Amino acid sequence: MSKKKSFVLRLSEEKMKALEKWAADEFRSTNGQLEWIITKALKDSGRLKNMNSSNEN
């Protein structure tokens, strides 16, 4: 398993509430939802390759 690095992310209250609801709707933690969104965006843009599918969920 790869190491994870923490960082601070500032979002508006409105965006945070929407993100939390989206995560709950998909049975993910807020952090897990952010990781999923970022991973998908990186893959879709061709900037991330050779990622294990087990890290996507």
PDB file of N, CA and C in Angstrom:
ATOM      1  N   MET A   1       0.841  -1.186   0.000  1.00  0.00           N
ATOM      2  CA  MET A   1       0.000   0.000   0.000  1.00  0.00           C
ATOM      3  C   MET A   1       0.883   1.245   0.000  1.00  0.00           C
ATOM      4  N   SER A   2       0.528   2.226  -0.805  1.00  0.00           N
ATOM      5  CA  SER A   2       1.330   3.442  -0.888  1.00  0.00           C
ATOM      6  C   SER A   2       1.055   4.363   0.293  1.00  0.00           C
ATOM      7  N   LYS A   3       2.052   5.165   0.610  1.00  0.00           N
ATOM      8  CA  LYS A   3       1.912   6.141   1.682  1.00  0.00           C
ATOM      9  C   LYS A   3       0.969   7.244   1.249  1.00  0.00           C
ATOM     10  N   LYS A   4       0.230   7.781   2.210  1.00  0.00           N
ATOM     11  CA  LYS A   4      -0.659   8.905   1.914  1.00  0.00           C
ATOM     12  C   LYS A   4      -0.130  10.143   2.610  1.00  0.00           C
ATOM     13  N   LYS A   5      -0.264  11.256   1.945  1.00  0.00           N
ATOM     14  CA  LYS A   5       0.203  12.524   2.478  1.00  0.00           C
ATOM     15  C   LYS A   5      -1.001  13.398   2.805  1.00  0.00           C
ATOM     16  N   SER A   6      -0.992  14.026   3.971  1.00  0.00           N
ATOM     17  CA  SER A   6      -2.103  14.900   4.354  1.00  0.00           C
ATOM     18  C   SER A   6      -1.853  16.330   3.879  1.00  0.00           C
ATOM     19  N   PHE A   7      -2.951  17.047   3.685  1.00  0.00           N
ATOM     20  CA  PHE A   7      -2.861  18.466   3.341  1.00  0.00           C
ATOM     21  C   PHE A   7      -4.158  19.144   3.749  1.00  0.00           C
ATOM     22  N   VAL A   8      -4.107  20.451   3.865  1.00  0.00           N
ATOM     23  CA  VAL A   8      -5.281  21.228   4.255  1.00  0.00           C
ATOM     24  C   VAL A   8      -6.005  21.684   2.999  1.00  0.00           C
ATOM     25  N   LEU A   9      -7.319  21.564   3.015  1.00  0.00           N
ATOM     26  CA  LEU A   9      -8.139  22.016   1.894  1.00  0.00           C
ATOM     27  C   LEU A   9      -9.234  22.917   2.451  1.00  0.00           C
ATOM     28  N   ARG A  10      -9.342  24.098   1.919  1.00  0.00           N
ATOM     29  CA  ARG A  10     -10.377  25.026   2.361  1.00  0.00           C
ATOM     30  C   ARG A  10     -11.464  25.087   1.301  1.00  0.00           C
ATOM     31  N   LEU A  11     -12.701  24.833   1.740  1.00  0.00           N
ATOM     32  CA  LEU A  11     -13.856  24.898   0.845  1.00  0.00           C
ATOM     33  C   LEU A  11     -14.915  25.791   1.463  1.00  0.00           C
ATOM     34  N   SER A  12     -15.738  26.358   0.629  1.00  0.00           N
ATOM     35  CA  SER A  12     -16.866  27.128   1.157  1.00  0.00           C
ATOM     36  C   SER A  12     -17.802  26.167   1.894  1.00  0.00           C
ATOM     37  N   GLU A  13     -18.582  26.695   2.787  1.00  0.00           N
ATOM     38  CA  GLU A  13     -19.521  25.864   3.547  1.00  0.00           C
ATOM     39  C   GLU A  13     -20.507  25.158   2.613  1.00  0.00           C
ATOM     40  N   GLU A  14     -20.945  25.869   1.582  1.00  0.00           N
ATOM     41  CA  GLU A  14     -21.888  25.294   0.614  1.00  0.00           C
ATOM     42  C   GLU A  14     -21.270  24.094  -0.120  1.00  0.00           C
ATOM     43  N   LYS A  15     -20.023  24.243  -0.574  1.00  0.00           N
ATOM     44  CA  LYS A  15     -19.355  23.146  -1.274  1.00  0.00           C
ATOM     45  C   LYS A  15     -19.115  21.971  -0.328  1.00  0.00           C
ATOM     46  N   MET A  16     -18.739  22.253   0.903  1.00  0.00           N
ATOM     47  CA  MET A  16     -18.477  21.179   1.863  1.00  0.00           C
ATOM     48  C   MET A  16     -19.751  20.383   2.152  1.00  0.00           C
ATOM     49  N   LYS A  17     -20.861  21.074   2.326  1.00  0.00           N
ATOM     50  CA  LYS A  17     -22.141  20.381   2.568  1.00  0.00           C
ATOM     51  C   LYS A  17     -22.525  19.506   1.374  1.00  0.00           C
ATOM     52  N   ALA A  18     -22.323  20.035   0.163  1.00  0.00           N
ATOM     53  CA  ALA A  18     -22.642  19.260  -1.042  1.00  0.00           C
ATOM     54  C   ALA A  18     -21.742  18.038  -1.148  1.00  0.00           C
ATOM     55  N   LEU A  19     -20.456  18.206  -0.837  1.00  0.00           N
ATOM     56  CA  LEU A  19     -19.506  17.099  -0.871  1.00  0.00           C
ATOM     57  C   LEU A  19     -19.869  16.034   0.161  1.00  0.00           C
ATOM     58  N   GLU A  20     -20.204  16.453   1.364  1.00  0.00           N
ATOM     59  CA  GLU A  20     -20.584  15.505   2.421  1.00  0.00           C
ATOM     60  C   GLU A  20     -21.827  14.720   2.035  1.00  0.00           C
ATOM     61  N   LYS A  21     -22.804  15.387   1.420  1.00  0.00           N
ATOM     62  CA  LYS A  21     -24.024  14.687   0.992  1.00  0.00           C
ATOM     63  C   LYS A  21     -23.704  13.692  -0.106  1.00  0.00           C
ATOM     64  N   TRP A  22     -22.894  14.094  -1.078  1.00  0.00           N
ATOM     65  CA  TRP A  22     -22.500  13.213  -2.178  1.00  0.00           C
ATOM     66  C   TRP A  22     -21.789  11.985  -1.617  1.00  0.00           C
ATOM     67  N   ALA A  23     -20.869  12.194  -0.697  1.00  0.00           N
ATOM     68  CA  ALA A  23     -20.137  11.079  -0.086  1.00  0.00           C
ATOM     69  C   ALA A  23     -21.105  10.138   0.634  1.00  0.00           C
ATOM     70  N   ALA A  24     -22.018  10.680   1.406  1.00  0.00           N
ATOM     71  CA  ALA A  24     -22.989   9.854   2.135  1.00  0.00           C
ATOM     72  C   ALA A  24     -23.874   9.070   1.160  1.00  0.00           C
ATOM     73  N   ASP A  25     -24.284   9.713   0.072  1.00  0.00           N
ATOM     74  CA  ASP A  25     -25.117   9.045  -0.938  1.00  0.00           C
ATOM     75  C   ASP A  25     -24.415   7.839  -1.550  1.00  0.00           C
ATOM     76  N   GLU A  26     -23.086   7.879  -1.621  1.00  0.00           N
ATOM     77  CA  GLU A  26     -22.311   6.796  -2.221  1.00  0.00           C
ATOM     78  C   GLU A  26     -21.614   5.927  -1.181  1.00  0.00           C
ATOM     79  N   PHE A  27     -22.021   6.101   0.093  1.00  0.00           N
ATOM     80  CA  PHE A  27     -21.494   5.288   1.198  1.00  0.00           C
ATOM     81  C   PHE A  27     -19.977   5.390   1.327  1.00  0.00           C
ATOM     82  N   ARG A  28     -19.458   6.610   1.160  1.00  0.00           N
ATOM     83  CA  ARG A  28     -18.033   6.875   1.330  1.00  0.00           C
ATOM     84  C   ARG A  28     -17.865   7.932   2.416  1.00  0.00           C
ATOM     85  N   SER A  29     -16.678   7.992   2.987  1.00  0.00           N
ATOM     86  CA  SER A  29     -16.336   9.104   3.867  1.00  0.00           C
ATOM     87  C   SER A  29     -16.102  10.331   2.983  1.00  0.00           C
ATOM     88  N   THR A  30     -16.112  11.487   3.595  1.00  0.00           N
ATOM     89  CA  THR A  30     -15.821  12.705   2.828  1.00  0.00           C
ATOM     90  C   THR A  30     -14.421  12.627   2.239  1.00  0.00           C
ATOM     91  N   ASN A  31     -13.469  12.170   3.024  1.00  0.00           N
ATOM     92  CA  ASN A  31     -12.101  12.031   2.534  1.00  0.00           C
ATOM     93  C   ASN A  31     -12.039  11.021   1.382  1.00  0.00           C
ATOM     94  N   GLY A  32     -12.728   9.905   1.539  1.00  0.00           N
ATOM     95  CA  GLY A  32     -12.763   8.896   0.482  1.00  0.00           C
ATOM     96  C   GLY A  32     -13.381   9.434  -0.796  1.00  0.00           C
ATOM     97  N   GLN A  33     -14.408  10.263  -0.660  1.00  0.00           N
ATOM     98  CA  GLN A  33     -15.055  10.855  -1.831  1.00  0.00           C
ATOM     99  C   GLN A  33     -14.098  11.806  -2.541  1.00  0.00           C
ATOM    100  N   LEU A  34     -13.390  12.622  -1.779  1.00  0.00           N
ATOM    101  CA  LEU A  34     -12.403  13.522  -2.390  1.00  0.00           C
ATOM    102  C   LEU A  34     -11.319  12.739  -3.113  1.00  0.00           C
ATOM    103  N   GLU A  35     -10.847  11.670  -2.498  1.00  0.00           N
ATOM    104  CA  GLU A  35      -9.813  10.852  -3.127  1.00  0.00           C
ATOM    105  C   GLU A  35     -10.335  10.235  -4.425  1.00  0.00           C
ATOM    106  N   TRP A  36     -11.584   9.767  -4.413  1.00  0.00           N
ATOM    107  CA  TRP A  36     -12.196   9.185  -5.604  1.00  0.00           C
ATOM    108  C   TRP A  36     -12.319  10.238  -6.714  1.00  0.00           C
ATOM    109  N   ILE A  37     -12.777  11.436  -6.372  1.00  0.00           N
ATOM    110  CA  ILE A  37     -12.942  12.516  -7.357  1.00  0.00           C
ATOM    111  C   ILE A  37     -11.595  12.884  -7.973  1.00  0.00           C
ATOM    112  N   ILE A  38     -10.584  13.046  -7.127  1.00  0.00           N
ATOM    113  CA  ILE A  38      -9.263  13.434  -7.615  1.00  0.00           C
ATOM    114  C   ILE A  38      -8.652  12.336  -8.485  1.00  0.00           C
ATOM    115  N   THR A  39      -8.768  11.081  -8.040  1.00  0.00           N
ATOM    116  CA  THR A  39      -8.227   9.960  -8.818  1.00  0.00           C
ATOM    117  C   THR A  39      -8.900   9.877 -10.181  1.00  0.00           C
ATOM    118  N   LYS A  40     -10.228  10.019 -10.207  1.00  0.00           N
ATOM    119  CA  LYS A  40     -10.965   9.964 -11.475  1.00  0.00           C
ATOM    120  C   LYS A  40     -10.534  11.097 -12.398  1.00  0.00           C
ATOM    121  N   ALA A  41     -10.410  12.303 -11.871  1.00  0.00           N
ATOM    122  CA  ALA A  41      -9.994  13.444 -12.692  1.00  0.00           C
ATOM    123  C   ALA A  41      -8.583  13.242 -13.246  1.00  0.00           C
ATOM    124  N   LEU A  42      -7.685  12.734 -12.427  1.00  0.00           N
ATOM    125  CA  LEU A  42      -6.313  12.486 -12.886  1.00  0.00           C
ATOM    126  C   LEU A  42      -6.267  11.415 -13.969  1.00  0.00           C
ATOM    127  N   LYS A  43      -7.030  10.342 -13.789  1.00  0.00           N
ATOM    128  CA  LYS A  43      -7.074   9.286 -14.804  1.00  0.00           C
ATOM    129  C   LYS A  43      -7.709   9.782 -16.092  1.00  0.00           C
ATOM    130  N   ASP A  44      -8.842  10.503 -15.967  1.00  0.00           N
ATOM    131  CA  ASP A  44      -9.543  10.997 -17.152  1.00  0.00           C
ATOM    132  C   ASP A  44      -8.680  11.954 -17.968  1.00  0.00           C
ATOM    133  N   SER A  45      -7.792  12.681 -17.298  1.00  0.00           N
ATOM    134  CA  SER A  45      -6.934  13.640 -18.003  1.00  0.00           C
ATOM    135  C   SER A  45      -5.635  13.001 -18.491  1.00  0.00           C
ATOM    136  N   GLY A  46      -5.450  11.703 -18.179  1.00  0.00           N
ATOM    137  CA  GLY A  46      -4.244  11.008 -18.607  1.00  0.00           C
ATOM    138  C   GLY A  46      -3.018  11.334 -17.773  1.00  0.00           C
ATOM    139  N   ARG A  47      -3.215  11.907 -16.606  1.00  0.00           N
ATOM    140  CA  ARG A  47      -2.094  12.302 -15.754  1.00  0.00           C
ATOM    141  C   ARG A  47      -1.748  11.250 -14.708  1.00  0.00           C
ATOM    142  N   LEU A  48      -2.562  10.209 -14.606  1.00  0.00           N
ATOM    143  CA  LEU A  48      -2.305   9.158 -13.627  1.00  0.00           C
ATOM    144  C   LEU A  48      -2.471   7.814 -14.312  1.00  0.00           C
ATOM    145  N   LYS A  49      -1.434   7.008 -14.259  1.00  0.00           N
ATOM    146  CA  LYS A  49      -1.472   5.697 -14.898  1.00  0.00           C
ATOM    147  C   LYS A  49      -1.013   4.636 -13.909  1.00  0.00           C
ATOM    148  N   ASN A  50      -1.295   3.375 -14.225  1.00  0.00           N
ATOM    149  CA  ASN A  50      -0.860   2.237 -13.418  1.00  0.00           C
ATOM    150  C   ASN A  50      -1.342   2.307 -11.967  1.00  0.00           C
ATOM    151  N   MET A  51      -2.553   2.759 -11.759  1.00  0.00           N
ATOM    152  CA  MET A  51      -3.139   2.813 -10.417  1.00  0.00           C
ATOM    153  C   MET A  51      -3.930   1.534 -10.199  1.00  0.00           C
ATOM    154  N   ASN A  52      -3.766   0.902  -9.047  1.00  0.00           N
ATOM    155  CA  ASN A  52      -4.520  -0.315  -8.755  1.00  0.00           C
ATOM    156  C   ASN A  52      -5.994   0.022  -8.623  1.00  0.00           C
ATOM    157  N   SER A  53      -6.861  -0.826  -9.196  1.00  0.00           N
ATOM    158  CA  SER A  53      -8.298  -0.585  -9.112  1.00  0.00           C
ATOM    159  C   SER A  53      -8.802  -0.699  -7.684  1.00  0.00           C
ATOM    160  N   SER A  54      -8.084  -1.385  -6.805  1.00  0.00           N
ATOM    161  CA  SER A  54      -8.514  -1.533  -5.407  1.00  0.00           C
ATOM    162  C   SER A  54      -8.439  -0.196  -4.675  1.00  0.00           C
ATOM    163  N   ASN A  55      -7.666   0.762  -5.167  1.00  0.00           N
ATOM    164  CA  ASN A  55      -7.558   2.071  -4.527  1.00  0.00           C
ATOM    165  C   ASN A  55      -8.657   3.023  -4.964  1.00  0.00           C
ATOM    166  N   GLU A  56      -9.481   2.619  -5.908  1.00  0.00           N
ATOM    167  CA  GLU A  56     -10.503   3.514  -6.423  1.00  0.00           C
ATOM    168  C   GLU A  56     -11.715   3.619  -5.530  1.00  0.00           C
ATOM    169  N   ASN A  57     -12.028   2.606  -4.778  1.00  0.00           N
ATOM    170  CA  ASN A  57     -13.260   2.611  -3.976  1.00  0.00           C
ATOM    171  C   ASN A  57     -13.009   2.973  -2.574  1.00  0.00           C
TER     172      ASN A  57
END
